[in-house]
């Protein structure tokens, strides 16, 4: 197995571990508190970032030829999914709590 393939597989496993950490964080439920929502958004963004790195590696020539196409599509879907979750939780935090923190900033 080539070093580039090993690197991609290691990054994929790290992405899956990061995804598990995110799921563990949100499994008990997400409290509608400003900083809690931002922390969840940040964790989702981390998952998306790691999957983005995997997607870049998996689409390179030496690896692309030895990995099923479905893997590439799955990684891309996961990276977009967690990016969307990050955007969603930031939007919820800003919309639901804008009045509370506008007063503090003013």
PDB file of N, CA and C in Angstrom:
ATOM      1  N   UNK A   1       0.849  -1.175   0.000  1.00  0.00           N
ATOM      2  CA  UNK A   1       0.000   0.000   0.000  1.00  0.00           C
ATOM      3  C   UNK A   1       0.898   1.243   0.000  1.00  0.00           C
ATOM      4  N   UNK A   2       0.558   2.167  -0.851  1.00  0.00           N
ATOM      5  CA  UNK A   2       1.382   3.369  -1.006  1.00  0.00           C
ATOM      6  C   UNK A   2       1.203   4.308   0.186  1.00  0.00           C
ATOM      7  N   UNK A   3       2.212   5.140   0.432  1.00  0.00           N
ATOM      8  CA  UNK A   3       2.092   6.108   1.528  1.00  0.00           C
ATOM      9  C   UNK A   3       0.923   7.084   1.338  1.00  0.00           C
ATOM     10  N   UNK A   4       0.630   7.466   0.088  1.00  0.00           N
ATOM     11  CA  UNK A   4      -0.490   8.382  -0.147  1.00  0.00           C
ATOM     12  C   UNK A   4      -1.823   7.716   0.182  1.00  0.00           C
ATOM     13  N   UNK A   5      -1.942   6.427  -0.121  1.00  0.00           N
ATOM     14  CA  UNK A   5      -3.163   5.692   0.223  1.00  0.00           C
ATOM     15  C   UNK A   5      -3.291   5.557   1.736  1.00  0.00           C
ATOM     16  N   UNK A   6      -2.196   5.265   2.403  1.00  0.00           N
ATOM     17  CA  UNK A   6      -2.222   5.165   3.861  1.00  0.00           C
ATOM     18  C   UNK A   6      -2.608   6.500   4.492  1.00  0.00           C
ATOM     19  N   UNK A   7      -2.057   7.577   3.965  1.00  0.00           N
ATOM     20  CA  UNK A   7      -2.384   8.909   4.483  1.00  0.00           C
ATOM     21  C   UNK A   7      -3.873   9.204   4.314  1.00  0.00           C
ATOM     22  N   UNK A   8      -4.418   8.867   3.164  1.00  0.00           N
ATOM     23  CA  UNK A   8      -5.849   9.100   2.920  1.00  0.00           C
ATOM     24  C   UNK A   8      -6.703   8.277   3.881  1.00  0.00           C
ATOM     25  N   UNK A   9      -6.341   7.014   4.082  1.00  0.00           N
ATOM     26  CA  UNK A   9      -7.117   6.158   4.981  1.00  0.00           C
ATOM     27  C   UNK A   9      -7.030   6.642   6.428  1.00  0.00           C
ATOM     28  N   UNK A  10      -5.861   7.128   6.822  1.00  0.00           N
ATOM     29  CA  UNK A  10      -5.715   7.678   8.175  1.00  0.00           C
ATOM     30  C   UNK A  10      -6.600   8.909   8.330  1.00  0.00           C
ATOM     31  N   UNK A  11      -6.579   9.787   7.335  1.00  0.00           N
ATOM     32  CA  UNK A  11      -7.421  10.994   7.384  1.00  0.00           C
ATOM     33  C   UNK A  11      -8.903  10.633   7.397  1.00  0.00           C
ATOM     34  N   UNK A  12      -9.274   9.591   6.657  1.00  0.00           N
ATOM     35  CA  UNK A  12     -10.667   9.146   6.638  1.00  0.00           C
ATOM     36  C   UNK A  12     -11.091   8.653   8.021  1.00  0.00           C
ATOM     37  N   UNK A  13     -10.217   7.882   8.667  1.00  0.00           N
ATOM     38  CA  UNK A  13     -10.544   7.400  10.012  1.00  0.00           C
ATOM     39  C   UNK A  13     -10.610   8.554  11.014  1.00  0.00           C
ATOM     40  N   UNK A  14      -9.742   9.551  10.857  1.00  0.00           N
ATOM     41  CA  UNK A  14      -9.813  10.725  11.733  1.00  0.00           C
ATOM     42  C   UNK A  14     -11.117  11.494  11.514  1.00  0.00           C
ATOM     43  N   UNK A  15     -11.548  11.580  10.266  1.00  0.00           N
ATOM     44  CA  UNK A  15     -12.818  12.249   9.965  1.00  0.00           C
ATOM     45  C   UNK A  15     -13.978  11.499  10.610  1.00  0.00           C
ATOM     46  N   UNK A  16     -13.937  10.177  10.547  1.00  0.00           N
ATOM     47  CA  UNK A  16     -14.996   9.384  11.155  1.00  0.00           C
ATOM     48  C   UNK A  16     -14.983   9.535  12.678  1.00  0.00           C
ATOM     49  N   UNK A  17     -13.794   9.626  13.261  1.00  0.00           N
ATOM     50  CA  UNK A  17     -13.696   9.834  14.707  1.00  0.00           C
ATOM     51  C   UNK A  17     -14.243  11.214  15.092  1.00  0.00           C
ATOM     52  N   UNK A  18     -13.943  12.222  14.288  1.00  0.00           N
ATOM     53  CA  UNK A  18     -14.458  13.569  14.539  1.00  0.00           C
ATOM     54  C   UNK A  18     -15.983  13.578  14.424  1.00  0.00           C
ATOM     55  N   UNK A  19     -16.494  12.817  13.454  1.00  0.00           N
ATOM     56  CA  UNK A  19     -17.943  12.702  13.282  1.00  0.00           C
ATOM     57  C   UNK A  19     -18.575  12.042  14.507  1.00  0.00           C
ATOM     58  N   UNK A  20     -17.924  11.027  15.041  1.00  0.00           N
ATOM     59  CA  UNK A  20     -18.424  10.367  16.252  1.00  0.00           C
ATOM     60  C   UNK A  20     -18.429  11.327  17.439  1.00  0.00           C
ATOM     61  N   UNK A  21     -17.396  12.156  17.546  1.00  0.00           N
ATOM     62  CA  UNK A  21     -17.343  13.146  18.628  1.00  0.00           C
ATOM     63  C   UNK A  21     -18.501  14.126  18.495  1.00  0.00           C
ATOM     64  N   UNK A  22     -18.798  14.537  17.264  1.00  0.00           N
ATOM     65  CA  UNK A  22     -19.932  15.437  17.037  1.00  0.00           C
ATOM     66  C   UNK A  22     -21.239  14.758  17.443  1.00  0.00           C
ATOM     67  N   UNK A  23     -21.437  13.528  17.007  1.00  0.00           N
ATOM     68  CA  UNK A  23     -22.661  12.802  17.340  1.00  0.00           C
ATOM     69  C   UNK A  23     -22.797  12.618  18.850  1.00  0.00           C
ATOM     70  N   UNK A  24     -21.690  12.355  19.525  1.00  0.00           N
ATOM     71  CA  UNK A  24     -21.725  12.206  20.982  1.00  0.00           C
ATOM     72  C   UNK A  24     -22.134  13.516  21.654  1.00  0.00           C
ATOM     73  N   UNK A  25     -21.700  14.638  21.066  1.00  0.00           N
ATOM     74  CA  UNK A  25     -22.030  15.946  21.624  1.00  0.00           C
ATOM     75  C   UNK A  25     -23.518  16.244  21.492  1.00  0.00           C
ATOM     76  N   UNK A  26     -24.106  15.906  20.357  1.00  0.00           N
ATOM     77  CA  UNK A  26     -25.501  16.288  20.116  1.00  0.00           C
ATOM     78  C   UNK A  26     -26.501  15.197  20.514  1.00  0.00           C
ATOM     79  N   UNK A  27     -26.025  14.009  20.812  1.00  0.00           N
ATOM     80  CA  UNK A  27     -26.932  12.909  21.156  1.00  0.00           C
ATOM     81  C   UNK A  27     -27.831  13.210  22.352  1.00  0.00           C
ATOM     82  N   UNK A  28     -27.318  13.794  23.437  1.00  0.00           N
ATOM     83  CA  UNK A  28     -28.202  14.095  24.573  1.00  0.00           C
ATOM     84  C   UNK A  28     -29.211  15.206  24.291  1.00  0.00           C
ATOM     85  N   UNK A  29     -29.021  15.923  23.223  1.00  0.00           N
ATOM     86  CA  UNK A  29     -29.908  17.033  22.884  1.00  0.00           C
ATOM     87  C   UNK A  29     -29.129  18.331  22.832  1.00  0.00           C
ATOM     88  N   UNK A  30     -29.653  19.272  22.105  1.00  0.00           N
ATOM     89  CA  UNK A  30     -28.989  20.553  21.941  1.00  0.00           C
ATOM     90  C   UNK A  30     -29.825  21.621  22.638  1.00  0.00           C
ATOM     91  N   UNK A  31     -29.237  22.248  23.628  1.00  0.00           N
ATOM     92  CA  UNK A  31     -29.937  23.318  24.350  1.00  0.00           C
ATOM     93  C   UNK A  31     -29.878  24.595  23.534  1.00  0.00           C
ATOM     94  N   UNK A  32     -30.983  25.288  23.480  1.00  0.00           N
ATOM     95  CA  UNK A  32     -31.071  26.512  22.694  1.00  0.00           C
ATOM     96  C   UNK A  32     -30.466  27.680  23.483  1.00  0.00           C
ATOM     97  N   UNK A  33     -29.160  27.593  23.667  1.00  0.00           N
ATOM     98  CA  UNK A  33     -28.401  28.661  24.320  1.00  0.00           C
ATOM     99  C   UNK A  33     -27.339  29.125  23.333  1.00  0.00           C
ATOM    100  N   UNK A  34     -27.083  30.397  23.312  1.00  0.00           N
ATOM    101  CA  UNK A  34     -26.218  31.003  22.304  1.00  0.00           C
ATOM    102  C   UNK A  34     -24.870  30.295  22.169  1.00  0.00           C
ATOM    103  N   UNK A  35     -24.116  30.192  23.252  1.00  0.00           N
ATOM    104  CA  UNK A  35     -22.775  29.623  23.171  1.00  0.00           C
ATOM    105  C   UNK A  35     -22.809  28.114  22.934  1.00  0.00           C
ATOM    106  N   UNK A  36     -23.832  27.460  23.391  1.00  0.00           N
ATOM    107  CA  UNK A  36     -23.976  26.033  23.123  1.00  0.00           C
ATOM    108  C   UNK A  36     -24.206  25.791  21.633  1.00  0.00           C
ATOM    109  N   UNK A  37     -25.061  26.605  21.023  1.00  0.00           N
ATOM    110  CA  UNK A  37     -25.314  26.476  19.586  1.00  0.00           C
ATOM    111  C   UNK A  37     -24.058  26.774  18.777  1.00  0.00           C
ATOM    112  N   UNK A  38     -23.288  27.764  19.207  1.00  0.00           N
ATOM    113  CA  UNK A  38     -22.042  28.081  18.501  1.00  0.00           C
ATOM    114  C   UNK A  38     -21.010  26.968  18.650  1.00  0.00           C
ATOM    115  N   UNK A  39     -20.981  26.335  19.817  1.00  0.00           N
ATOM    116  CA  UNK A  39     -20.056  25.214  20.016  1.00  0.00           C
ATOM    117  C   UNK A  39     -20.424  24.038  19.110  1.00  0.00           C
ATOM    118  N   UNK A  40     -21.711  23.760  18.981  1.00  0.00           N
ATOM    119  CA  UNK A  40     -22.167  22.691  18.086  1.00  0.00           C
ATOM    120  C   UNK A  40     -21.825  23.052  16.638  1.00  0.00           C
ATOM    121  N   UNK A  41     -22.026  24.304  16.271  1.00  0.00           N
ATOM    122  CA  UNK A  41     -21.687  24.748  14.911  1.00  0.00           C
ATOM    123  C   UNK A  41     -20.194  24.599  14.648  1.00  0.00           C
ATOM    124  N   UNK A  42     -19.391  24.943  15.638  1.00  0.00           N
ATOM    125  CA  UNK A  42     -17.945  24.832  15.491  1.00  0.00           C
ATOM    126  C   UNK A  42     -17.532  23.372  15.318  1.00  0.00           C
ATOM    127  N   UNK A  43     -18.127  22.491  16.073  1.00  0.00           N
ATOM    128  CA  UNK A  43     -17.811  21.064  15.957  1.00  0.00           C
ATOM    129  C   UNK A  43     -18.222  20.530  14.584  1.00  0.00           C
ATOM    130  N   UNK A  44     -19.387  20.936  14.092  1.00  0.00           N
ATOM    131  CA  UNK A  44     -19.827  20.519  12.757  1.00  0.00           C
ATOM    132  C   UNK A  44     -18.875  21.053  11.691  1.00  0.00           C
ATOM    133  N   UNK A  45     -18.390  22.263  11.866  1.00  0.00           N
ATOM    134  CA  UNK A  45     -17.434  22.839  10.911  1.00  0.00           C
ATOM    135  C   UNK A  45     -16.123  22.069  10.920  1.00  0.00           C
ATOM    136  N   UNK A  46     -15.694  21.604  12.096  1.00  0.00           N
ATOM    137  CA  UNK A  46     -14.478  20.791  12.174  1.00  0.00           C
ATOM    138  C   UNK A  46     -14.650  19.490  11.398  1.00  0.00           C
ATOM    139  N   UNK A  47     -15.800  18.851  11.571  1.00  0.00           N
ATOM    140  CA  UNK A  47     -16.073  17.606  10.841  1.00  0.00           C
ATOM    141  C   UNK A  47     -16.039  17.866   9.340  1.00  0.00           C
ATOM    142  N   UNK A  48     -16.672  18.931   8.906  1.00  0.00           N
ATOM    143  CA  UNK A  48     -16.684  19.284   7.490  1.00  0.00           C
ATOM    144  C   UNK A  48     -15.277  19.545   6.975  1.00  0.00           C
ATOM    145  N   UNK A  49     -14.472  20.223   7.755  1.00  0.00           N
ATOM    146  CA  UNK A  49     -13.097  20.534   7.344  1.00  0.00           C
ATOM    147  C   UNK A  49     -12.265  19.269   7.164  1.00  0.00           C
ATOM    148  N   UNK A  50     -12.409  18.316   8.085  1.00  0.00           N
ATOM    149  CA  UNK A  50     -11.649  17.073   7.988  1.00  0.00           C
ATOM    150  C   UNK A  50     -12.113  16.268   6.771  1.00  0.00           C
ATOM    151  N   UNK A  51     -13.413  16.215   6.531  1.00  0.00           N
ATOM    152  CA  UNK A  51     -13.911  15.515   5.347  1.00  0.00           C
ATOM    153  C   UNK A  51     -13.478  16.229   4.066  1.00  0.00           C
ATOM    154  N   UNK A  52     -13.321  17.542   4.113  1.00  0.00           N
ATOM    155  CA  UNK A  52     -12.833  18.280   2.944  1.00  0.00           C
ATOM    156  C   UNK A  52     -11.404  17.860   2.596  1.00  0.00           C
ATOM    157  N   UNK A  53     -10.583  17.700   3.627  1.00  0.00           N
ATOM    158  CA  UNK A  53      -9.212  17.226   3.410  1.00  0.00           C
ATOM    159  C   UNK A  53      -9.209  15.831   2.804  1.00  0.00           C
ATOM    160  N   UNK A  54     -10.063  14.963   3.313  1.00  0.00           N
ATOM    161  CA  UNK A  54     -10.170  13.602   2.773  1.00  0.00           C
ATOM    162  C   UNK A  54     -10.620  13.651   1.316  1.00  0.00           C
ATOM    163  N   UNK A  55     -11.583  14.517   1.023  1.00  0.00           N
ATOM    164  CA  UNK A  55     -12.077  14.621  -0.351  1.00  0.00           C
ATOM    165  C   UNK A  55     -10.976  15.087  -1.296  1.00  0.00           C
ATOM    166  N   UNK A  56     -10.157  16.016  -0.864  1.00  0.00           N
ATOM    167  CA  UNK A  56      -9.036  16.460  -1.697  1.00  0.00           C
ATOM    168  C   UNK A  56      -8.062  15.327  -1.956  1.00  0.00           C
ATOM    169  N   UNK A  57      -7.797  14.518  -0.928  1.00  0.00           N
ATOM    170  CA  UNK A  57      -6.863  13.406  -1.088  1.00  0.00           C
ATOM    171  C   UNK A  57      -7.442  12.289  -1.951  1.00  0.00           C
ATOM    172  N   UNK A  58      -8.725  12.026  -1.769  1.00  0.00           N
ATOM    173  CA  UNK A  58      -9.352  10.883  -2.445  1.00  0.00           C
ATOM    174  C   UNK A  58      -9.545  11.127  -3.942  1.00  0.00           C
ATOM    175  N   UNK A  59      -9.522  12.382  -4.353  1.00  0.00           N
ATOM    176  CA  UNK A  59      -9.723  12.700  -5.772  1.00  0.00           C
ATOM    177  C   UNK A  59      -8.408  12.881  -6.531  1.00  0.00           C
ATOM    178  N   UNK A  60      -7.277  12.690  -5.862  1.00  0.00           N
ATOM    179  CA  UNK A  60      -5.990  12.776  -6.541  1.00  0.00           C
ATOM    180  C   UNK A  60      -5.715  11.501  -7.328  1.00  0.00           C
ATOM    181  N   UNK A  61      -4.916  11.646  -8.377  1.00  0.00           N
ATOM    182  CA  UNK A  61      -4.689  10.565  -9.340  1.00  0.00           C
ATOM    183  C   UNK A  61      -4.251   9.225  -8.749  1.00  0.00           C
ATOM    184  N   UNK A  62      -3.227   9.139  -7.907  1.00  0.00           N
ATOM    185  CA  UNK A  62      -2.842   7.787  -7.487  1.00  0.00           C
ATOM    186  C   UNK A  62      -3.890   7.083  -6.626  1.00  0.00           C
ATOM    187  N   UNK A  63      -4.635   7.844  -5.862  1.00  0.00           N
ATOM    188  CA  UNK A  63      -5.627   7.242  -4.965  1.00  0.00           C
ATOM    189  C   UNK A  63      -6.940   7.003  -5.694  1.00  0.00           C
ATOM    190  N   UNK A  64      -7.307   7.923  -6.543  1.00  0.00           N
ATOM    191  CA  UNK A  64      -8.588   7.875  -7.246  1.00  0.00           C
ATOM    192  C   UNK A  64      -8.777   6.563  -8.010  1.00  0.00           C
ATOM    193  N   UNK A  65      -7.686   6.031  -8.521  1.00  0.00           N
ATOM    194  CA  UNK A  65      -7.751   4.810  -9.327  1.00  0.00           C
ATOM    195  C   UNK A  65      -7.996   3.551  -8.503  1.00  0.00           C
ATOM    196  N   UNK A  66      -7.733   3.615  -7.193  1.00  0.00           N
ATOM    197  CA  UNK A  66      -7.822   2.418  -6.353  1.00  0.00           C
ATOM    198  C   UNK A  66      -8.958   2.467  -5.335  1.00  0.00           C
ATOM    199  N   UNK A  67      -9.738   3.533  -5.361  1.00  0.00           N
ATOM    200  CA  UNK A  67     -10.830   3.698  -4.395  1.00  0.00           C
ATOM    201  C   UNK A  67     -12.154   3.717  -5.154  1.00  0.00           C
ATOM    202  N   UNK A  68     -13.164   3.020  -4.639  1.00  0.00           N
ATOM    203  CA  UNK A  68     -14.468   3.058  -5.313  1.00  0.00           C
ATOM    204  C   UNK A  68     -15.013   4.500  -5.409  1.00  0.00           C
ATOM    205  N   UNK A  69     -15.676   4.785  -6.504  1.00  0.00           N
ATOM    206  CA  UNK A  69     -16.234   6.116  -6.739  1.00  0.00           C
ATOM    207  C   UNK A  69     -17.237   6.472  -5.643  1.00  0.00           C
ATOM    208  N   UNK A  70     -17.940   5.489  -5.132  1.00  0.00           N
ATOM    209  CA  UNK A  70     -18.933   5.734  -4.081  1.00  0.00           C
ATOM    210  C   UNK A  70     -18.292   6.353  -2.843  1.00  0.00           C
ATOM    211  N   UNK A  71     -17.041   6.009  -2.554  1.00  0.00           N
ATOM    212  CA  UNK A  71     -16.354   6.593  -1.404  1.00  0.00           C
ATOM    213  C   UNK A  71     -16.203   8.094  -1.584  1.00  0.00           C
ATOM    214  N   UNK A  72     -15.795   8.490  -2.770  1.00  0.00           N
ATOM    215  CA  UNK A  72     -15.612   9.918  -3.060  1.00  0.00           C
ATOM    216  C   UNK A  72     -16.923  10.671  -2.905  1.00  0.00           C
ATOM    217  N   UNK A  73     -17.994  10.106  -3.443  1.00  0.00           N
ATOM    218  CA  UNK A  73     -19.303  10.761  -3.339  1.00  0.00           C
ATOM    219  C   UNK A  73     -19.782  10.817  -1.889  1.00  0.00           C
ATOM    220  N   UNK A  74     -19.564   9.750  -1.154  1.00  0.00           N
ATOM    221  CA  UNK A  74     -19.978   9.722   0.253  1.00  0.00           C
ATOM    222  C   UNK A  74     -19.232  10.769   1.067  1.00  0.00           C
ATOM    223  N   UNK A  75     -17.936  10.883   0.845  1.00  0.00           N
ATOM    224  CA  UNK A  75     -17.138  11.885   1.552  1.00  0.00           C
ATOM    225  C   UNK A  75     -17.613  13.284   1.194  1.00  0.00           C
ATOM    226  N   UNK A  76     -17.913  13.507  -0.079  1.00  0.00           N
ATOM    227  CA  UNK A  76     -18.389  14.830  -0.505  1.00  0.00           C
ATOM    228  C   UNK A  76     -19.739  15.165   0.129  1.00  0.00           C
ATOM    229  N   UNK A  77     -20.636  14.197   0.179  1.00  0.00           N
ATOM    230  CA  UNK A  77     -21.947  14.417   0.801  1.00  0.00           C
ATOM    231  C   UNK A  77     -21.780  14.737   2.281  1.00  0.00           C
ATOM    232  N   UNK A  78     -20.893  13.995   2.964  1.00  0.00           N
ATOM    233  CA  UNK A  78     -20.687  14.242   4.391  1.00  0.00           C
ATOM    234  C   UNK A  78     -20.083  15.619   4.633  1.00  0.00           C
ATOM    235  N   UNK A  79     -19.149  16.022   3.787  1.00  0.00           N
ATOM    236  CA  UNK A  79     -18.544  17.344   3.996  1.00  0.00           C
ATOM    237  C   UNK A  79     -19.564  18.446   3.803  1.00  0.00           C
ATOM    238  N   UNK A  80     -20.435  18.315   2.808  1.00  0.00           N
ATOM    239  CA  UNK A  80     -21.477  19.327   2.578  1.00  0.00           C
ATOM    240  C   UNK A  80     -22.543  19.280   3.673  1.00  0.00           C
ATOM    241  N   UNK A  81     -22.864  18.077   4.140  1.00  0.00           N
ATOM    242  CA  UNK A  81     -23.862  17.921   5.203  1.00  0.00           C
ATOM    243  C   UNK A  81     -23.415  18.631   6.479  1.00  0.00           C
ATOM    244  N   UNK A  82     -22.188  18.377   6.900  1.00  0.00           N
ATOM    245  CA  UNK A  82     -21.708  18.994   8.138  1.00  0.00           C
ATOM    246  C   UNK A  82     -21.449  20.482   7.964  1.00  0.00           C
ATOM    247  N   UNK A  83     -21.095  20.924   6.766  1.00  0.00           N
ATOM    248  CA  UNK A  83     -20.964  22.369   6.508  1.00  0.00           C
ATOM    249  C   UNK A  83     -22.333  23.034   6.648  1.00  0.00           C
ATOM    250  N   UNK A  84     -23.361  22.383   6.103  1.00  0.00           N
ATOM    251  CA  UNK A  84     -24.723  22.926   6.208  1.00  0.00           C
ATOM    252  C   UNK A  84     -25.187  22.951   7.665  1.00  0.00           C
ATOM    253  N   UNK A  85     -24.858  21.911   8.423  1.00  0.00           N
ATOM    254  CA  UNK A  85     -25.215  21.907   9.845  1.00  0.00           C
ATOM    255  C   UNK A  85     -24.539  23.055  10.590  1.00  0.00           C
ATOM    256  N   UNK A  86     -23.281  23.307  10.274  1.00  0.00           N
ATOM    257  CA  UNK A  86     -22.570  24.414  10.912  1.00  0.00           C
ATOM    258  C   UNK A  86     -23.263  25.732  10.600  1.00  0.00           C
ATOM    259  N   UNK A  87     -23.622  25.942   9.355  1.00  0.00           N
ATOM    260  CA  UNK A  87     -24.314  27.171   8.971  1.00  0.00           C
ATOM    261  C   UNK A  87     -25.676  27.264   9.660  1.00  0.00           C
ATOM    262  N   UNK A  88     -26.366  26.143   9.745  1.00  0.00           N
ATOM    263  CA  UNK A  88     -27.686  26.126  10.379  1.00  0.00           C
ATOM    264  C   UNK A  88     -27.598  26.547  11.842  1.00  0.00           C
ATOM    265  N   UNK A  89     -26.657  25.952  12.589  1.00  0.00           N
ATOM    266  CA  UNK A  89     -26.568  26.254  14.017  1.00  0.00           C
ATOM    267  C   UNK A  89     -26.097  27.677  14.270  1.00  0.00           C
ATOM    268  N   UNK A  90     -25.248  28.216  13.418  1.00  0.00           N
ATOM    269  CA  UNK A  90     -24.863  29.623  13.557  1.00  0.00           C
ATOM    270  C   UNK A  90     -26.076  30.511  13.292  1.00  0.00           C
ATOM    271  N   UNK A  91     -26.854  30.169  12.267  1.00  0.00           N
ATOM    272  CA  UNK A  91     -28.045  30.963  11.949  1.00  0.00           C
ATOM    273  C   UNK A  91     -29.061  30.912  13.086  1.00  0.00           C
ATOM    274  N   UNK A  92     -29.279  29.738  13.652  1.00  0.00           N
ATOM    275  CA  UNK A  92     -30.214  29.621  14.772  1.00  0.00           C
ATOM    276  C   UNK A  92     -29.726  30.448  15.960  1.00  0.00           C
ATOM    277  N   UNK A  93     -28.442  30.383  16.243  1.00  0.00           N
ATOM    278  CA  UNK A  93     -27.894  31.163  17.354  1.00  0.00           C
ATOM    279  C   UNK A  93     -28.089  32.651  17.120  1.00  0.00           C
ATOM    280  N   UNK A  94     -27.838  33.096  15.903  1.00  0.00           N
ATOM    281  CA  UNK A  94     -27.958  34.523  15.616  1.00  0.00           C
ATOM    282  C   UNK A  94     -29.408  34.995  15.611  1.00  0.00           C
ATOM    283  N   UNK A  95     -30.304  34.182  15.070  1.00  0.00           N
ATOM    284  CA  UNK A  95     -31.707  34.589  14.989  1.00  0.00           C
ATOM    285  C   UNK A  95     -32.418  34.515  16.331  1.00  0.00           C
ATOM    286  N   UNK A  96     -32.206  33.436  17.057  1.00  0.00           N
ATOM    287  CA  UNK A  96     -32.920  33.248  18.319  1.00  0.00           C
ATOM    288  C   UNK A  96     -32.379  34.117  19.447  1.00  0.00           C
ATOM    289  N   UNK A  97     -31.138  34.534  19.351  1.00  0.00           N
ATOM    290  CA  UNK A  97     -30.527  35.230  20.471  1.00  0.00           C
ATOM    291  C   UNK A  97     -29.987  36.605  20.090  1.00  0.00           C
ATOM    292  N   UNK A  98     -30.453  37.156  18.987  1.00  0.00           N
ATOM    293  CA  UNK A  98     -29.902  38.434  18.544  1.00  0.00           C
ATOM    294  C   UNK A  98     -30.231  39.575  19.495  1.00  0.00           C
ATOM    295  N   UNK A  99     -31.394  39.577  20.072  1.00  0.00           N
ATOM    296  CA  UNK A  99     -31.770  40.689  20.965  1.00  0.00           C
ATOM    297  C   UNK A  99     -30.966  40.659  22.254  1.00  0.00           C
ATOM    298  N   UNK A 100     -30.682  39.471  22.776  1.00  0.00           N
ATOM    299  CA  UNK A 100     -29.942  39.356  24.023  1.00  0.00           C
ATOM    300  C   UNK A 100     -28.541  39.934  23.889  1.00  0.00           C
ATOM    301  N   UNK A 101     -27.882  39.664  22.760  1.00  0.00           N
ATOM    302  CA  UNK A 101     -26.496  40.057  22.618  1.00  0.00           C
ATOM    303  C   UNK A 101     -26.325  41.404  21.912  1.00  0.00           C
ATOM    304  N   UNK A 102     -27.357  41.905  21.272  1.00  0.00           N
ATOM    305  CA  UNK A 102     -27.303  43.268  20.720  1.00  0.00           C
ATOM    306  C   UNK A 102     -27.222  44.287  21.851  1.00  0.00           C
ATOM    307  N   UNK A 103     -27.931  44.011  22.922  1.00  0.00           N
ATOM    308  CA  UNK A 103     -27.919  44.896  24.076  1.00  0.00           C
ATOM    309  C   UNK A 103     -26.527  44.930  24.693  1.00  0.00           C
ATOM    310  N   UNK A 104     -25.872  43.755  24.752  1.00  0.00           N
ATOM    311  CA  UNK A 104     -24.537  43.694  25.332  1.00  0.00           C
ATOM    312  C   UNK A 104     -23.518  44.437  24.489  1.00  0.00           C
ATOM    313  N   UNK A 105     -23.677  44.388  23.165  1.00  0.00           N
ATOM    314  CA  UNK A 105     -22.726  45.044  22.273  1.00  0.00           C
ATOM    315  C   UNK A 105     -22.932  46.547  22.206  1.00  0.00           C
ATOM    316  N   UNK A 106     -24.138  47.011  22.468  1.00  0.00           N
ATOM    317  CA  UNK A 106     -24.443  48.442  22.344  1.00  0.00           C
ATOM    318  C   UNK A 106     -23.905  49.268  23.482  1.00  0.00           C
TER     319      UNK A 106
END
